Amino acid sequence: MNKCVEIQGPIGRCYKLGSCKIIVSIDDGLEHLSISHNNRYPRWNEIKQARYELLDKEKNYAMYFPPEKDYCNVHENCFHLFEVRE
């Protein structure tokens, strides 16, 4: 199993996990993880590994769909985890 390796990136904390790229940032005071792959969707085990290696283990995170009018997809093979407010 590969480990998340920190790399130089444009914003936040950037990592590689195998051939996936990951950015961890703080948005509106909450953690946000983006995980992408160039030519496929990230696999569930890659998303899970990134979450538990890179984010606070005591907090809750979710993938969600906003109202359609607010939906934006800049990178077609990217998923986002957002910290859930308590």
PDB file of N, CA and C in Angstrom:
ATOM      1  N   MET A   1       0.848  -1.180   0.000  1.00  0.00           N
ATOM      2  CA  MET A   1       0.000   0.000   0.000  1.00  0.00           C
ATOM      3  C   MET A   1       0.890   1.238   0.000  1.00  0.00           C
ATOM      4  N   ASN A   2       0.592   2.183  -0.898  1.00  0.00           N
ATOM      5  CA  ASN A   2       1.308   3.451  -0.954  1.00  0.00           C
ATOM      6  C   ASN A   2       0.917   4.326   0.221  1.00  0.00           C
ATOM      7  N   LYS A   3       1.795   5.235   0.588  1.00  0.00           N
ATOM      8  CA  LYS A   3       1.515   6.246   1.600  1.00  0.00           C
ATOM      9  C   LYS A   3       1.304   7.576   0.891  1.00  0.00           C
ATOM     10  N   CYS A   4       0.605   8.485   1.536  1.00  0.00           N
ATOM     11  CA  CYS A   4       0.472   9.844   1.025  1.00  0.00           C
ATOM     12  C   CYS A   4       1.815  10.541   1.205  1.00  0.00           C
ATOM     13  N   VAL A   5       2.325  11.110   0.123  1.00  0.00           N
ATOM     14  CA  VAL A   5       3.624  11.776   0.131  1.00  0.00           C
ATOM     15  C   VAL A   5       3.400  13.253  -0.161  1.00  0.00           C
ATOM     16  N   GLU A   6       3.904  14.121   0.721  1.00  0.00           N
ATOM     17  CA  GLU A   6       3.719  15.559   0.518  1.00  0.00           C
ATOM     18  C   GLU A   6       4.549  16.020  -0.671  1.00  0.00           C
ATOM     19  N   ILE A   7       3.962  16.881  -1.513  1.00  0.00           N
ATOM     20  CA  ILE A   7       4.631  17.441  -2.681  1.00  0.00           C
ATOM     21  C   ILE A   7       4.414  18.947  -2.703  1.00  0.00           C
ATOM     22  N   GLN A   8       5.197  19.623  -3.514  1.00  0.00           N
ATOM     23  CA  GLN A   8       5.020  21.066  -3.704  1.00  0.00           C
ATOM     24  C   GLN A   8       3.788  21.281  -4.570  1.00  0.00           C
ATOM     25  N   GLY A   9       2.931  22.197  -4.159  1.00  0.00           N
ATOM     26  CA  GLY A   9       1.720  22.457  -4.926  1.00  0.00           C
ATOM     27  C   GLY A   9       1.332  23.914  -4.867  1.00  0.00           C
ATOM     28  N   PRO A  10       0.281  24.273  -5.587  1.00  0.00           N
ATOM     29  CA  PRO A  10      -0.098  25.682  -5.700  1.00  0.00           C
ATOM     30  C   PRO A  10      -0.774  26.262  -4.461  1.00  0.00           C
ATOM     31  N   ILE A  11      -1.503  25.434  -3.720  1.00  0.00           N
ATOM     32  CA  ILE A  11      -2.235  25.925  -2.547  1.00  0.00           C
ATOM     33  C   ILE A  11      -2.306  24.835  -1.495  1.00  0.00           C
ATOM     34  N   GLY A  12      -2.594  25.217  -0.271  1.00  0.00           N
ATOM     35  CA  GLY A  12      -2.824  24.241   0.792  1.00  0.00           C
ATOM     36  C   GLY A  12      -1.673  23.261   0.933  1.00  0.00           C
ATOM     37  N   ARG A  13      -1.971  22.114   1.508  1.00  0.00           N
ATOM     38  CA  ARG A  13      -1.018  21.016   1.625  1.00  0.00           C
ATOM     39  C   ARG A  13      -1.296  20.069   0.462  1.00  0.00           C
ATOM     40  N   CYS A  14      -0.288  19.743  -0.316  1.00  0.00           N
ATOM     41  CA  CYS A  14      -0.471  18.911  -1.508  1.00  0.00           C
ATOM     42  C   CYS A  14       0.259  17.581  -1.339  1.00  0.00           C
ATOM     43  N   TYR A  15      -0.375  16.524  -1.862  1.00  0.00           N
ATOM     44  CA  TYR A  15       0.147  15.167  -1.697  1.00  0.00           C
ATOM     45  C   TYR A  15      -0.080  14.368  -2.969  1.00  0.00           C
ATOM     46  N   LYS A  16       0.674  13.267  -3.084  1.00  0.00           N
ATOM     47  CA  LYS A  16       0.416  12.233  -4.085  1.00  0.00           C
ATOM     48  C   LYS A  16       0.143  10.947  -3.326  1.00  0.00           C
ATOM     49  N   LEU A  17      -0.786  10.182  -3.840  1.00  0.00           N
ATOM     50  CA  LEU A  17      -1.085   8.843  -3.330  1.00  0.00           C
ATOM     51  C   LEU A  17      -1.161   7.957  -4.563  1.00  0.00           C
ATOM     52  N   GLY A  18      -0.081   7.218  -4.841  1.00  0.00           N
ATOM     53  CA  GLY A  18      -0.020   6.504  -6.112  1.00  0.00           C
ATOM     54  C   GLY A  18      -0.094   7.524  -7.226  1.00  0.00           C
ATOM     55  N   SER A  19      -1.091   7.390  -8.109  1.00  0.00           N
ATOM     56  CA  SER A  19      -1.244   8.356  -9.187  1.00  0.00           C
ATOM     57  C   SER A  19      -2.350   9.378  -8.915  1.00  0.00           C
ATOM     58  N   CYS A  20      -2.855   9.417  -7.688  1.00  0.00           N
ATOM     59  CA  CYS A  20      -3.842  10.433  -7.294  1.00  0.00           C
ATOM     60  C   CYS A  20      -3.123  11.656  -6.746  1.00  0.00           C
ATOM     61  N   LYS A  21      -3.721  12.812  -6.976  1.00  0.00           N
ATOM     62  CA  LYS A  21      -3.230  14.059  -6.404  1.00  0.00           C
ATOM     63  C   LYS A  21      -4.256  14.544  -5.389  1.00  0.00           C
ATOM     64  N   ILE A  22      -3.760  15.086  -4.281  1.00  0.00           N
ATOM     65  CA  ILE A  22      -4.623  15.486  -3.171  1.00  0.00           C
ATOM     66  C   ILE A  22      -4.232  16.885  -2.708  1.00  0.00           C
ATOM     67  N   ILE A  23      -5.233  17.710  -2.436  1.00  0.00           N
ATOM     68  CA  ILE A  23      -5.019  19.020  -1.832  1.00  0.00           C
ATOM     69  C   ILE A  23      -5.861  19.075  -0.568  1.00  0.00           C
ATOM     70  N   VAL A  24      -5.242  19.477   0.542  1.00  0.00           N
ATOM     71  CA  VAL A  24      -5.957  19.697   1.792  1.00  0.00           C
ATOM     72  C   VAL A  24      -5.854  21.190   2.093  1.00  0.00           C
ATOM     73  N   SER A  25      -7.001  21.833   2.267  1.00  0.00           N
ATOM     74  CA  SER A  25      -7.017  23.266   2.521  1.00  0.00           C
ATOM     75  C   SER A  25      -8.045  23.585   3.603  1.00  0.00           C
ATOM     76  N   ILE A  26      -8.038  24.812   4.041  1.00  0.00           N
ATOM     77  CA  ILE A  26      -9.031  25.312   4.984  1.00  0.00           C
ATOM     78  C   ILE A  26      -9.908  26.295   4.222  1.00  0.00           C
ATOM     79  N   ASP A  27     -11.202  26.016   4.185  1.00  0.00           N
ATOM     80  CA  ASP A  27     -12.174  26.875   3.501  1.00  0.00           C
ATOM     81  C   ASP A  27     -13.224  27.284   4.521  1.00  0.00           C
ATOM     82  N   ASP A  28     -13.382  28.579   4.697  1.00  0.00           N
ATOM     83  CA  ASP A  28     -14.337  29.105   5.685  1.00  0.00           C
ATOM     84  C   ASP A  28     -14.108  28.486   7.065  1.00  0.00           C
ATOM     85  N   GLY A  29     -12.841  28.246   7.420  1.00  0.00           N
ATOM     86  CA  GLY A  29     -12.505  27.716   8.732  1.00  0.00           C
ATOM     87  C   GLY A  29     -12.644  26.210   8.880  1.00  0.00           C
ATOM     88  N   LEU A  30     -13.027  25.513   7.807  1.00  0.00           N
ATOM     89  CA  LEU A  30     -13.215  24.056   7.857  1.00  0.00           C
ATOM     90  C   LEU A  30     -12.288  23.361   6.869  1.00  0.00           C
ATOM     91  N   GLU A  31     -11.865  22.131   7.219  1.00  0.00           N
ATOM     92  CA  GLU A  31     -10.985  21.375   6.329  1.00  0.00           C
ATOM     93  C   GLU A  31     -11.731  20.904   5.081  1.00  0.00           C
ATOM     94  N   HIS A  32     -10.987  20.863   3.980  1.00  0.00           N
ATOM     95  CA  HIS A  32     -11.521  20.456   2.678  1.00  0.00           C
ATOM     96  C   HIS A  32     -10.430  19.646   1.993  1.00  0.00           C
ATOM     97  N   LEU A  33     -10.754  18.425   1.584  1.00  0.00           N
ATOM     98  CA  LEU A  33      -9.823  17.569   0.872  1.00  0.00           C
ATOM     99  C   LEU A  33     -10.349  17.342  -0.534  1.00  0.00           C
ATOM    100  N   SER A  34      -9.495  17.583  -1.523  1.00  0.00           N
ATOM    101  CA  SER A  34      -9.810  17.284  -2.925  1.00  0.00           C
ATOM    102  C   SER A  34      -8.877  16.171  -3.361  1.00  0.00           C
ATOM    103  N   ILE A  35      -9.423  15.137  -3.993  1.00  0.00           N
ATOM    104  CA  ILE A  35      -8.603  14.034  -4.493  1.00  0.00           C
ATOM    105  C   ILE A  35      -8.986  13.789  -5.950  1.00  0.00           C
ATOM    106  N   SER A  36      -7.966  13.737  -6.814  1.00  0.00           N
ATOM    107  CA  SER A  36      -8.235  13.588  -8.246  1.00  0.00           C
ATOM    108  C   SER A  36      -7.248  12.619  -8.883  1.00  0.00           C
ATOM    109  N   HIS A  37      -7.617  12.180 -10.071  1.00  0.00           N
ATOM    110  CA  HIS A  37      -6.780  11.316 -10.886  1.00  0.00           C
ATOM    111  C   HIS A  37      -6.915  11.825 -12.320  1.00  0.00           C
ATOM    112  N   ASN A  38      -5.855  11.718 -13.105  1.00  0.00           N
ATOM    113  CA  ASN A  38      -5.895  12.269 -14.469  1.00  0.00           C
ATOM    114  C   ASN A  38      -6.895  11.590 -15.397  1.00  0.00           C
ATOM    115  N   ASN A  39      -7.069  10.257 -15.291  1.00  0.00           N
ATOM    116  CA  ASN A  39      -7.903   9.590 -16.297  1.00  0.00           C
ATOM    117  C   ASN A  39      -8.914   8.592 -15.737  1.00  0.00           C
ATOM    118  N   ARG A  40      -9.241   8.695 -14.450  1.00  0.00           N
ATOM    119  CA  ARG A  40     -10.301   7.870 -13.860  1.00  0.00           C
ATOM    120  C   ARG A  40     -10.733   8.536 -12.558  1.00  0.00           C
ATOM    121  N   TYR A  41     -11.849   8.061 -12.013  1.00  0.00           N
ATOM    122  CA  TYR A  41     -12.243   8.530 -10.692  1.00  0.00           C
ATOM    123  C   TYR A  41     -11.324   7.914  -9.637  1.00  0.00           C
ATOM    124  N   PRO A  42     -11.008   8.644  -8.570  1.00  0.00           N
ATOM    125  CA  PRO A  42     -10.297   8.012  -7.460  1.00  0.00           C
ATOM    126  C   PRO A  42     -11.136   6.853  -6.915  1.00  0.00           C
ATOM    127  N   ARG A  43     -10.478   5.778  -6.551  1.00  0.00           N
ATOM    128  CA  ARG A  43     -11.168   4.602  -6.010  1.00  0.00           C
ATOM    129  C   ARG A  43     -11.526   4.838  -4.540  1.00  0.00           C
ATOM    130  N   TRP A  44     -12.548   4.106  -4.086  1.00  0.00           N
ATOM    131  CA  TRP A  44     -13.003   4.275  -2.709  1.00  0.00           C
ATOM    132  C   TRP A  44     -11.863   4.087  -1.706  1.00  0.00           C
ATOM    133  N   ASN A  45     -11.031   3.058  -1.911  1.00  0.00           N
ATOM    134  CA  ASN A  45      -9.935   2.814  -0.959  1.00  0.00           C
ATOM    135  C   ASN A  45      -8.928   3.964  -0.964  1.00  0.00           C
ATOM    136  N   GLU A  46      -8.734   4.657  -2.089  1.00  0.00           N
ATOM    137  CA  GLU A  46      -7.838   5.809  -2.148  1.00  0.00           C
ATOM    138  C   GLU A  46      -8.437   6.997  -1.383  1.00  0.00           C
ATOM    139  N   ILE A  47      -9.742   7.218  -1.561  1.00  0.00           N
ATOM    140  CA  ILE A  47     -10.423   8.298  -0.839  1.00  0.00           C
ATOM    141  C   ILE A  47     -10.351   8.027   0.664  1.00  0.00           C
ATOM    142  N   LYS A  48     -10.654   6.792   1.054  1.00  0.00           N
ATOM    143  CA  LYS A  48     -10.638   6.415   2.463  1.00  0.00           C
ATOM    144  C   LYS A  48      -9.241   6.584   3.057  1.00  0.00           C
ATOM    145  N   GLN A  49      -8.219   6.119   2.364  1.00  0.00           N
ATOM    146  CA  GLN A  49      -6.857   6.227   2.870  1.00  0.00           C
ATOM    147  C   GLN A  49      -6.454   7.693   3.026  1.00  0.00           C
ATOM    148  N   ALA A  50      -6.747   8.518   2.035  1.00  0.00           N
ATOM    149  CA  ALA A  50      -6.406   9.943   2.115  1.00  0.00           C
ATOM    150  C   ALA A  50      -7.105  10.585   3.300  1.00  0.00           C
ATOM    151  N   ARG A  51      -8.375  10.268   3.509  1.00  0.00           N
ATOM    152  CA  ARG A  51      -9.130  10.848   4.624  1.00  0.00           C
ATOM    153  C   ARG A  51      -8.471  10.528   5.964  1.00  0.00           C
ATOM    154  N   TYR A  52      -8.150   9.221   6.198  1.00  0.00           N
ATOM    155  CA  TYR A  52      -7.640   8.812   7.499  1.00  0.00           C
ATOM    156  C   TYR A  52      -6.155   9.133   7.704  1.00  0.00           C
ATOM    157  N   GLU A  53      -5.405   9.318   6.624  1.00  0.00           N
ATOM    158  CA  GLU A  53      -4.002   9.725   6.767  1.00  0.00           C
ATOM    159  C   GLU A  53      -3.849  11.233   6.916  1.00  0.00           C
ATOM    160  N   LEU A  54      -4.711  12.008   6.264  1.00  0.00           N
ATOM    161  CA  LEU A  54      -4.454  13.444   6.143  1.00  0.00           C
ATOM    162  C   LEU A  54      -5.397  14.346   6.924  1.00  0.00           C
ATOM    163  N   LEU A  55      -6.544  13.832   7.354  1.00  0.00           N
ATOM    164  CA  LEU A  55      -7.513  14.663   8.062  1.00  0.00           C
ATOM    165  C   LEU A  55      -7.639  14.220   9.514  1.00  0.00           C
ATOM    166  N   ASP A  56      -8.176  15.100  10.329  1.00  0.00           N
ATOM    167  CA  ASP A  56      -8.361  14.849  11.767  1.00  0.00           C
ATOM    168  C   ASP A  56      -9.245  13.614  11.966  1.00  0.00           C
ATOM    169  N   LYS A  57      -8.731  12.629  12.654  1.00  0.00           N
ATOM    170  CA  LYS A  57      -9.458  11.357  12.847  1.00  0.00           C
ATOM    171  C   LYS A  57     -10.688  11.502  13.732  1.00  0.00           C
ATOM    172  N   GLU A  58     -10.776  12.580  14.521  1.00  0.00           N
ATOM    173  CA  GLU A  58     -11.903  12.778  15.431  1.00  0.00           C
ATOM    174  C   GLU A  58     -13.035  13.609  14.834  1.00  0.00           C
ATOM    175  N   LYS A  59     -12.850  14.109  13.633  1.00  0.00           N
ATOM    176  CA  LYS A  59     -13.878  14.947  13.002  1.00  0.00           C
ATOM    177  C   LYS A  59     -14.638  14.151  11.947  1.00  0.00           C
ATOM    178  N   ASN A  60     -15.807  14.652  11.583  1.00  0.00           N
ATOM    179  CA  ASN A  60     -16.631  14.048  10.536  1.00  0.00           C
ATOM    180  C   ASN A  60     -16.444  14.816   9.229  1.00  0.00           C
ATOM    181  N   TYR A  61     -16.425  14.064   8.129  1.00  0.00           N
ATOM    182  CA  TYR A  61     -16.283  14.636   6.791  1.00  0.00           C
ATOM    183  C   TYR A  61     -17.338  13.999   5.899  1.00  0.00           C
ATOM    184  N   ALA A  62     -17.722  14.738   4.868  1.00  0.00           N
ATOM    185  CA  ALA A  62     -18.756  14.220   3.976  1.00  0.00           C
ATOM    186  C   ALA A  62     -18.497  14.654   2.542  1.00  0.00           C
ATOM    187  N   MET A  63     -18.989  13.837   1.599  1.00  0.00           N
ATOM    188  CA  MET A  63     -19.102  14.233   0.199  1.00  0.00           C
ATOM    189  C   MET A  63     -20.578  14.558   0.022  1.00  0.00           C
ATOM    190  N   TYR A  64     -20.878  15.698  -0.573  1.00  0.00           N
ATOM    191  CA  TYR A  64     -22.284  16.031  -0.741  1.00  0.00           C
ATOM    192  C   TYR A  64     -22.517  16.735  -2.062  1.00  0.00           C
ATOM    193  N   PHE A  65     -23.767  16.775  -2.461  1.00  0.00           N
ATOM    194  CA  PHE A  65     -24.175  17.473  -3.674  1.00  0.00           C
ATOM    195  C   PHE A  65     -24.943  18.721  -3.277  1.00  0.00           C
ATOM    196  N   PRO A  66     -24.457  19.891  -3.675  1.00  0.00           N
ATOM    197  CA  PRO A  66     -25.185  21.123  -3.380  1.00  0.00           C
ATOM    198  C   PRO A  66     -26.400  21.232  -4.304  1.00  0.00           C
ATOM    199  N   PRO A  67     -27.224  22.252  -4.101  1.00  0.00           N
ATOM    200  CA  PRO A  67     -28.305  22.486  -5.057  1.00  0.00           C
ATOM    201  C   PRO A  67     -27.714  22.599  -6.465  1.00  0.00           C
ATOM    202  N   GLU A  68     -28.446  22.146  -7.453  1.00  0.00           N
ATOM    203  CA  GLU A  68     -27.924  22.099  -8.824  1.00  0.00           C
ATOM    204  C   GLU A  68     -27.401  23.457  -9.296  1.00  0.00           C
ATOM    205  N   LYS A  69     -28.048  24.541  -8.880  1.00  0.00           N
ATOM    206  CA  LYS A  69     -27.617  25.873  -9.320  1.00  0.00           C
ATOM    207  C   LYS A  69     -26.219  26.218  -8.795  1.00  0.00           C
ATOM    208  N   ASP A  70     -25.786  25.563  -7.712  1.00  0.00           N
ATOM    209  CA  ASP A  70     -24.479  25.818  -7.119  1.00  0.00           C
ATOM    210  C   ASP A  70     -23.434  24.774  -7.500  1.00  0.00           C
ATOM    211  N   TYR A  71     -23.832  23.747  -8.257  1.00  0.00           N
ATOM    212  CA  TYR A  71     -22.928  22.658  -8.607  1.00  0.00           C
ATOM    213  C   TYR A  71     -21.876  23.147  -9.601  1.00  0.00           C
ATOM    214  N   CYS A  72     -20.633  22.785  -9.352  1.00  0.00           N
ATOM    215  CA  CYS A  72     -19.518  23.162 -10.217  1.00  0.00           C
ATOM    216  C   CYS A  72     -18.577  21.971 -10.304  1.00  0.00           C
ATOM    217  N   ASN A  73     -18.108  21.643 -11.495  1.00  0.00           N
ATOM    218  CA  ASN A  73     -17.187  20.534 -11.672  1.00  0.00           C
ATOM    219  C   ASN A  73     -16.030  20.994 -12.553  1.00  0.00           C
ATOM    220  N   VAL A  74     -14.966  21.490 -11.915  1.00  0.00           N
ATOM    221  CA  VAL A  74     -13.826  22.019 -12.658  1.00  0.00           C
ATOM    222  C   VAL A  74     -12.957  20.892 -13.205  1.00  0.00           C
ATOM    223  N   HIS A  75     -12.802  19.820 -12.447  1.00  0.00           N
ATOM    224  CA  HIS A  75     -11.974  18.670 -12.847  1.00  0.00           C
ATOM    225  C   HIS A  75     -12.886  17.449 -12.857  1.00  0.00           C
ATOM    226  N   GLU A  76     -13.029  16.789 -13.993  1.00  0.00           N
ATOM    227  CA  GLU A  76     -14.033  15.732 -14.102  1.00  0.00           C
ATOM    228  C   GLU A  76     -13.755  14.496 -13.255  1.00  0.00           C
ATOM    229  N   ASN A  77     -12.537  14.281 -12.801  1.00  0.00           N
ATOM    230  CA  ASN A  77     -12.208  13.097 -12.002  1.00  0.00           C
ATOM    231  C   ASN A  77     -11.784  13.476 -10.589  1.00  0.00           C
ATOM    232  N   CYS A  78     -12.510  14.393  -9.976  1.00  0.00           N
ATOM    233  CA  CYS A  78     -12.155  14.893  -8.649  1.00  0.00           C
ATOM    234  C   CYS A  78     -13.323  14.726  -7.685  1.00  0.00           C
ATOM    235  N   PHE A  79     -13.015  14.279  -6.470  1.00  0.00           N
ATOM    236  CA  PHE A  79     -14.007  14.204  -5.403  1.00  0.00           C
ATOM    237  C   PHE A  79     -13.550  15.100  -4.260  1.00  0.00           C
ATOM    238  N   HIS A  80     -14.505  15.568  -3.474  1.00  0.00           N
ATOM    239  CA  HIS A  80     -14.219  16.483  -2.377  1.00  0.00           C
ATOM    240  C   HIS A  80     -14.802  15.936  -1.080  1.00  0.00           C
ATOM    241  N   LEU A  81     -14.040  16.061  -0.007  1.00  0.00           N
ATOM    242  CA  LEU A  81     -14.519  15.779   1.339  1.00  0.00           C
ATOM    243  C   LEU A  81     -14.535  17.099   2.090  1.00  0.00           C
ATOM    244  N   PHE A  82     -15.628  17.378   2.770  1.00  0.00           N
ATOM    245  CA  PHE A  82     -15.779  18.611   3.517  1.00  0.00           C
ATOM    246  C   PHE A  82     -15.994  18.281   4.986  1.00  0.00           C
ATOM    247  N   GLU A  83     -15.312  19.018   5.866  1.00  0.00           N
ATOM    248  CA  GLU A  83     -15.532  18.876   7.294  1.00  0.00           C
ATOM    249  C   GLU A  83     -16.985  19.271   7.609  1.00  0.00           C
ATOM    250  N   VAL A  84     -17.633  18.465   8.417  1.00  0.00           N
ATOM    251  CA  VAL A  84     -19.021  18.712   8.785  1.00  0.00           C
ATOM    252  C   VAL A  84     -19.034  19.511  10.073  1.00  0.00           C
ATOM    253  N   ARG A  85     -19.773  20.620  10.073  1.00  0.00           N
ATOM    254  CA  ARG A  85     -19.903  21.429  11.291  1.00  0.00           C
ATOM    255  C   ARG A  85     -20.692  20.636  12.331  1.00  0.00           C
ATOM    256  N   GLU A  86     -20.238  20.725  13.564  1.00  0.00           N
ATOM    257  CA  GLU A  86     -20.937  20.029  14.651  1.00  0.00           C
ATOM    258  C   GLU A  86     -22.198  20.781  15.029  1.00  0.00           C
TER     259      GLU A  86
END
